[in-house]
């Protein structure tokens, strides 16, 4: 399976559960986005699947709607398990339920670094980090509108943090 936002989100959820760390939707979203940004900057490849993952500028920062909708039922409670996807076989019409797993080793390496780096950061701090002037979100956010954050903006922003 191609890397996608749900498999990356599930990776973080699995880490949180196994380490008995509380992970909330807002913090999960920011970690997925930051991992995506560093994957673009370091490897030149996306951690998302463009078929159904897009990054949008919402009021509280960059949001990947597929992740938001997969975990929104937790509200303000800690996330306790990964999301599933439902697929229908076009020939047999059988329904398959799958829990997306992250298998890309490059993305896992970046995700592990992001997990360790931001462990203990409150969600409010994660939001503040992605709201600063000059961030891709700040260049795209328009109150009351849904605007996409281009990968190019994200890649260029996160390249500034890579030591050469």
C-alpha atoms as a PDB file:
ATOM      1  CA  UNK A   1       0.000   0.000   0.000  1.00  0.00           C
ATOM      2  CA  UNK A   2       1.237   3.501  -0.821  1.00  0.00           C
ATOM      3  CA  UNK A   3       2.005   5.741   2.121  1.00  0.00           C
ATOM      4  CA  UNK A   4      -1.005   7.795   3.134  1.00  0.00           C
ATOM      5  CA  UNK A   5      -2.126  10.077   5.916  1.00  0.00           C
ATOM      6  CA  UNK A   6      -4.186   7.404   7.684  1.00  0.00           C
ATOM      7  CA  UNK A   7      -1.315   4.909   7.812  1.00  0.00           C
ATOM      8  CA  UNK A   8       0.949   7.651   9.201  1.00  0.00           C
ATOM      9  CA  UNK A   9      -1.692   8.722  11.737  1.00  0.00           C
ATOM     10  CA  UNK A  10      -2.176   5.091  12.788  1.00  0.00           C
ATOM     11  CA  UNK A  11       1.588   4.794  13.271  1.00  0.00           C
ATOM     12  CA  UNK A  12       1.504   7.692  15.745  1.00  0.00           C
ATOM     13  CA  UNK A  13      -1.574   6.278  17.483  1.00  0.00           C
ATOM     14  CA  UNK A  14       0.144   2.884  17.859  1.00  0.00           C
ATOM     15  CA  UNK A  15       3.202   4.597  19.392  1.00  0.00           C
ATOM     16  CA  UNK A  16       1.040   6.586  21.803  1.00  0.00           C
ATOM     17  CA  UNK A  17      -0.915   3.518  22.908  1.00  0.00           C
ATOM     18  CA  UNK A  18       2.183   1.326  23.314  1.00  0.00           C
ATOM     19  CA  UNK A  19       3.980   4.066  25.285  1.00  0.00           C
ATOM     20  CA  UNK A  20       0.849   4.931  27.289  1.00  0.00           C
ATOM     21  CA  UNK A  21       1.012   8.539  26.080  1.00  0.00           C
ATOM     22  CA  UNK A  22      -2.139  10.565  25.520  1.00  0.00           C
ATOM     23  CA  UNK A  23      -2.520  11.714  21.927  1.00  0.00           C
ATOM     24  CA  UNK A  24      -5.339  14.019  20.895  1.00  0.00           C
ATOM     25  CA  UNK A  25      -6.686  14.804  17.463  1.00  0.00           C
ATOM     26  CA  UNK A  26      -5.072  18.240  17.174  1.00  0.00           C
ATOM     27  CA  UNK A  27      -1.623  16.959  18.159  1.00  0.00           C
ATOM     28  CA  UNK A  28      -1.998  13.974  15.864  1.00  0.00           C
ATOM     29  CA  UNK A  29      -2.846  16.234  12.934  1.00  0.00           C
ATOM     30  CA  UNK A  30       0.176  18.452  13.506  1.00  0.00           C
ATOM     31  CA  UNK A  31       2.542  15.480  13.817  1.00  0.00           C
ATOM     32  CA  UNK A  32       1.256  13.975  10.565  1.00  0.00           C
ATOM     33  CA  UNK A  33       1.666  17.317   8.795  1.00  0.00           C
ATOM     34  CA  UNK A  34       5.159  17.985  10.171  1.00  0.00           C
ATOM     35  CA  UNK A  35       6.286  14.469   9.218  1.00  0.00           C
ATOM     36  CA  UNK A  36       4.910  15.058   5.724  1.00  0.00           C
ATOM     37  CA  UNK A  37       6.831  18.351   5.557  1.00  0.00           C
ATOM     38  CA  UNK A  38      10.131  16.788   6.537  1.00  0.00           C
ATOM     39  CA  UNK A  39       9.606  13.861   4.132  1.00  0.00           C
ATOM     40  CA  UNK A  40       9.146  16.367   1.318  1.00  0.00           C
ATOM     41  CA  UNK A  41      12.219  18.340   2.429  1.00  0.00           C
ATOM     42  CA  UNK A  42      14.553  15.392   3.034  1.00  0.00           C
ATOM     43  CA  UNK A  43      13.501  12.791   0.479  1.00  0.00           C
ATOM     44  CA  UNK A  44      11.499  14.815  -2.019  1.00  0.00           C
ATOM     45  CA  UNK A  45       8.583  12.448  -1.503  1.00  0.00           C
ATOM     46  CA  UNK A  46       5.216  12.830   0.102  1.00  0.00           C
ATOM     47  CA  UNK A  47       4.020  10.927   3.147  1.00  0.00           C
ATOM     48  CA  UNK A  48       0.502  11.356   1.766  1.00  0.00           C
ATOM     49  CA  UNK A  49      -1.427   9.773  -1.087  1.00  0.00           C
ATOM     50  CA  UNK A  50      -2.602  12.480  -3.502  1.00  0.00           C
ATOM     51  CA  UNK A  51      -5.604  10.341  -4.501  1.00  0.00           C
ATOM     52  CA  UNK A  52      -7.342  11.151  -1.221  1.00  0.00           C
ATOM     53  CA  UNK A  53      -4.994  13.175   0.983  1.00  0.00           C
ATOM     54  CA  UNK A  54      -4.681  16.930   0.696  1.00  0.00           C
ATOM     55  CA  UNK A  55      -3.451  19.519   3.182  1.00  0.00           C
ATOM     56  CA  UNK A  56      -5.794  22.427   3.819  1.00  0.00           C
ATOM     57  CA  UNK A  57      -5.415  25.648   5.822  1.00  0.00           C
ATOM     58  CA  UNK A  58      -8.081  25.589   8.535  1.00  0.00           C
ATOM     59  CA  UNK A  59      -8.561  27.897  11.513  1.00  0.00           C
ATOM     60  CA  UNK A  60      -6.358  25.799  13.814  1.00  0.00           C
ATOM     61  CA  UNK A  61      -3.624  25.152  11.280  1.00  0.00           C
ATOM     62  CA  UNK A  62      -2.842  22.670   8.542  1.00  0.00           C
ATOM     63  CA  UNK A  63      -5.428  19.884   8.367  1.00  0.00           C
ATOM     64  CA  UNK A  64      -5.569  16.704   6.322  1.00  0.00           C
ATOM     65  CA  UNK A  65      -9.325  16.101   6.010  1.00  0.00           C
ATOM     66  CA  UNK A  66      -8.953  12.305   5.728  1.00  0.00           C
ATOM     67  CA  UNK A  67      -7.242  12.259   9.146  1.00  0.00           C
ATOM     68  CA  UNK A  68      -9.662  14.743  10.663  1.00  0.00           C
ATOM     69  CA  UNK A  69     -12.723  12.767   9.597  1.00  0.00           C
ATOM     70  CA  UNK A  70     -11.178   9.443  10.639  1.00  0.00           C
ATOM     71  CA  UNK A  71     -10.526  10.607  14.203  1.00  0.00           C
ATOM     72  CA  UNK A  72     -13.074  13.383  14.853  1.00  0.00           C
ATOM     73  CA  UNK A  73     -15.327  11.053  16.840  1.00  0.00           C
ATOM     74  CA  UNK A  74     -12.771  11.239  19.675  1.00  0.00           C
ATOM     75  CA  UNK A  75     -13.549  14.922  20.147  1.00  0.00           C
ATOM     76  CA  UNK A  76     -11.404  16.164  23.034  1.00  0.00           C
ATOM     77  CA  UNK A  77     -10.684  12.655  24.344  1.00  0.00           C
ATOM     78  CA  UNK A  78      -7.383  10.810  23.817  1.00  0.00           C
ATOM     79  CA  UNK A  79      -7.234   8.608  20.725  1.00  0.00           C
ATOM     80  CA  UNK A  80      -7.124   4.951  21.722  1.00  0.00           C
ATOM     81  CA  UNK A  81      -7.004   3.063  18.440  1.00  0.00           C
ATOM     82  CA  UNK A  82      -6.136   3.480  14.787  1.00  0.00           C
ATOM     83  CA  UNK A  83      -8.576   4.226  12.015  1.00  0.00           C
ATOM     84  CA  UNK A  84      -9.855   1.707   9.501  1.00  0.00           C
ATOM     85  CA  UNK A  85     -10.762   2.146   5.890  1.00  0.00           C
ATOM     86  CA  UNK A  86     -13.524   0.341   4.070  1.00  0.00           C
ATOM     87  CA  UNK A  87     -13.032  -0.767   0.499  1.00  0.00           C
ATOM     88  CA  UNK A  88     -15.500  -2.468  -1.818  1.00  0.00           C
ATOM     89  CA  UNK A  89     -14.240  -4.979  -4.392  1.00  0.00           C
ATOM     90  CA  UNK A  90     -15.539  -3.717  -7.733  1.00  0.00           C
ATOM     91  CA  UNK A  91     -16.038  -7.227  -9.112  1.00  0.00           C
ATOM     92  CA  UNK A  92     -17.513  -9.099  -6.167  1.00  0.00           C
ATOM     93  CA  UNK A  93     -18.902  -6.145  -4.201  1.00  0.00           C
ATOM     94  CA  UNK A  94     -17.417  -7.682  -1.066  1.00  0.00           C
ATOM     95  CA  UNK A  95     -16.556  -5.230   1.664  1.00  0.00           C
ATOM     96  CA  UNK A  96     -13.016  -5.195   3.029  1.00  0.00           C
ATOM     97  CA  UNK A  97     -12.121  -3.472   6.269  1.00  0.00           C
ATOM     98  CA  UNK A  98      -8.459  -2.641   6.616  1.00  0.00           C
ATOM     99  CA  UNK A  99      -6.331  -0.859   9.201  1.00  0.00           C
ATOM    100  CA  UNK A 100      -3.727   1.038   7.157  1.00  0.00           C
ATOM    101  CA  UNK A 101      -0.167   0.390   8.351  1.00  0.00           C
ATOM    102  CA  UNK A 102       2.892   2.480   7.588  1.00  0.00           C
ATOM    103  CA  UNK A 103       5.472   0.346   5.788  1.00  0.00           C
ATOM    104  CA  UNK A 104       7.770   2.942   4.188  1.00  0.00           C
ATOM    105  CA  UNK A 105      11.024   2.895   6.200  1.00  0.00           C
ATOM    106  CA  UNK A 106      12.034   6.455   5.263  1.00  0.00           C
ATOM    107  CA  UNK A 107       8.722   7.855   6.468  1.00  0.00           C
ATOM    108  CA  UNK A 108       8.895   5.718   9.638  1.00  0.00           C
ATOM    109  CA  UNK A 109      12.340   7.127  10.393  1.00  0.00           C
ATOM    110  CA  UNK A 110      11.079  10.694  10.057  1.00  0.00           C
ATOM    111  CA  UNK A 111       7.926   9.878  12.057  1.00  0.00           C
ATOM    112  CA  UNK A 112      10.037   8.412  14.868  1.00  0.00           C
ATOM    113  CA  UNK A 113      12.156  11.571  14.958  1.00  0.00           C
ATOM    114  CA  UNK A 114       9.063  13.794  15.013  1.00  0.00           C
ATOM    115  CA  UNK A 115       7.484  11.650  17.722  1.00  0.00           C
ATOM    116  CA  UNK A 116      10.549  11.932  19.972  1.00  0.00           C
ATOM    117  CA  UNK A 117      11.138  15.626  19.222  1.00  0.00           C
ATOM    118  CA  UNK A 118       7.588  16.727  20.049  1.00  0.00           C
ATOM    119  CA  UNK A 119       6.791  14.246  22.801  1.00  0.00           C
ATOM    120  CA  UNK A 120       5.271  16.192  25.651  1.00  0.00           C
ATOM    121  CA  UNK A 121       4.447  19.257  23.562  1.00  0.00           C
ATOM    122  CA  UNK A 122       0.890  20.376  24.331  1.00  0.00           C
ATOM    123  CA  UNK A 123      -1.410  20.664  21.335  1.00  0.00           C
ATOM    124  CA  UNK A 124      -1.576  24.426  21.809  1.00  0.00           C
ATOM    125  CA  UNK A 125       2.171  24.656  21.230  1.00  0.00           C
ATOM    126  CA  UNK A 126       1.899  22.476  18.120  1.00  0.00           C
ATOM    127  CA  UNK A 127      -0.811  24.809  16.789  1.00  0.00           C
ATOM    128  CA  UNK A 128       1.309  27.869  17.567  1.00  0.00           C
ATOM    129  CA  UNK A 129       4.268  26.359  15.687  1.00  0.00           C
ATOM    130  CA  UNK A 130       2.220  25.889  12.539  1.00  0.00           C
ATOM    131  CA  UNK A 131       0.618  29.356  12.828  1.00  0.00           C
ATOM    132  CA  UNK A 132       3.769  31.453  12.881  1.00  0.00           C
ATOM    133  CA  UNK A 133       4.328  34.085  10.245  1.00  0.00           C
ATOM    134  CA  UNK A 134       6.031  32.604   7.194  1.00  0.00           C
ATOM    135  CA  UNK A 135       4.578  29.098   7.616  1.00  0.00           C
ATOM    136  CA  UNK A 136       2.758  27.507   4.692  1.00  0.00           C
ATOM    137  CA  UNK A 137      -0.462  27.842   6.701  1.00  0.00           C
ATOM    138  CA  UNK A 138       0.055  31.603   7.159  1.00  0.00           C
ATOM    139  CA  UNK A 139       0.528  32.014   3.408  1.00  0.00           C
ATOM    140  CA  UNK A 140      -2.656  30.104   2.539  1.00  0.00           C
ATOM    141  CA  UNK A 141      -5.176  30.659   5.310  1.00  0.00           C
ATOM    142  CA  UNK A 142      -8.203  32.777   4.431  1.00  0.00           C
ATOM    143  CA  UNK A 143     -10.829  32.997   7.215  1.00  0.00           C
ATOM    144  CA  UNK A 144     -14.061  31.310   6.185  1.00  0.00           C
ATOM    145  CA  UNK A 145     -12.535  29.568   3.160  1.00  0.00           C
ATOM    146  CA  UNK A 146     -10.963  26.187   2.580  1.00  0.00           C
ATOM    147  CA  UNK A 147      -7.631  26.662   0.845  1.00  0.00           C
ATOM    148  CA  UNK A 148      -5.160  23.960  -0.105  1.00  0.00           C
ATOM    149  CA  UNK A 149      -1.570  24.236   1.126  1.00  0.00           C
ATOM    150  CA  UNK A 150       0.634  23.252  -1.829  1.00  0.00           C
ATOM    151  CA  UNK A 151       3.330  20.656  -1.148  1.00  0.00           C
ATOM    152  CA  UNK A 152       5.862  23.042  -2.682  1.00  0.00           C
ATOM    153  CA  UNK A 153       5.223  25.594   0.106  1.00  0.00           C
ATOM    154  CA  UNK A 154       5.532  22.872   2.732  1.00  0.00           C
ATOM    155  CA  UNK A 155       8.706  21.423   1.223  1.00  0.00           C
ATOM    156  CA  UNK A 156      10.406  24.823   0.962  1.00  0.00           C
ATOM    157  CA  UNK A 157       9.460  25.716   4.543  1.00  0.00           C
ATOM    158  CA  UNK A 158      10.817  22.482   6.052  1.00  0.00           C
ATOM    159  CA  UNK A 159      14.006  22.596   3.980  1.00  0.00           C
ATOM    160  CA  UNK A 160      15.027  25.567   6.126  1.00  0.00           C
ATOM    161  CA  UNK A 161      15.351  23.209   9.110  1.00  0.00           C
ATOM    162  CA  UNK A 162      17.543  20.600   7.413  1.00  0.00           C
ATOM    163  CA  UNK A 163      21.225  20.793   8.327  1.00  0.00           C
ATOM    164  CA  UNK A 164      23.366  20.383   5.257  1.00  0.00           C
END
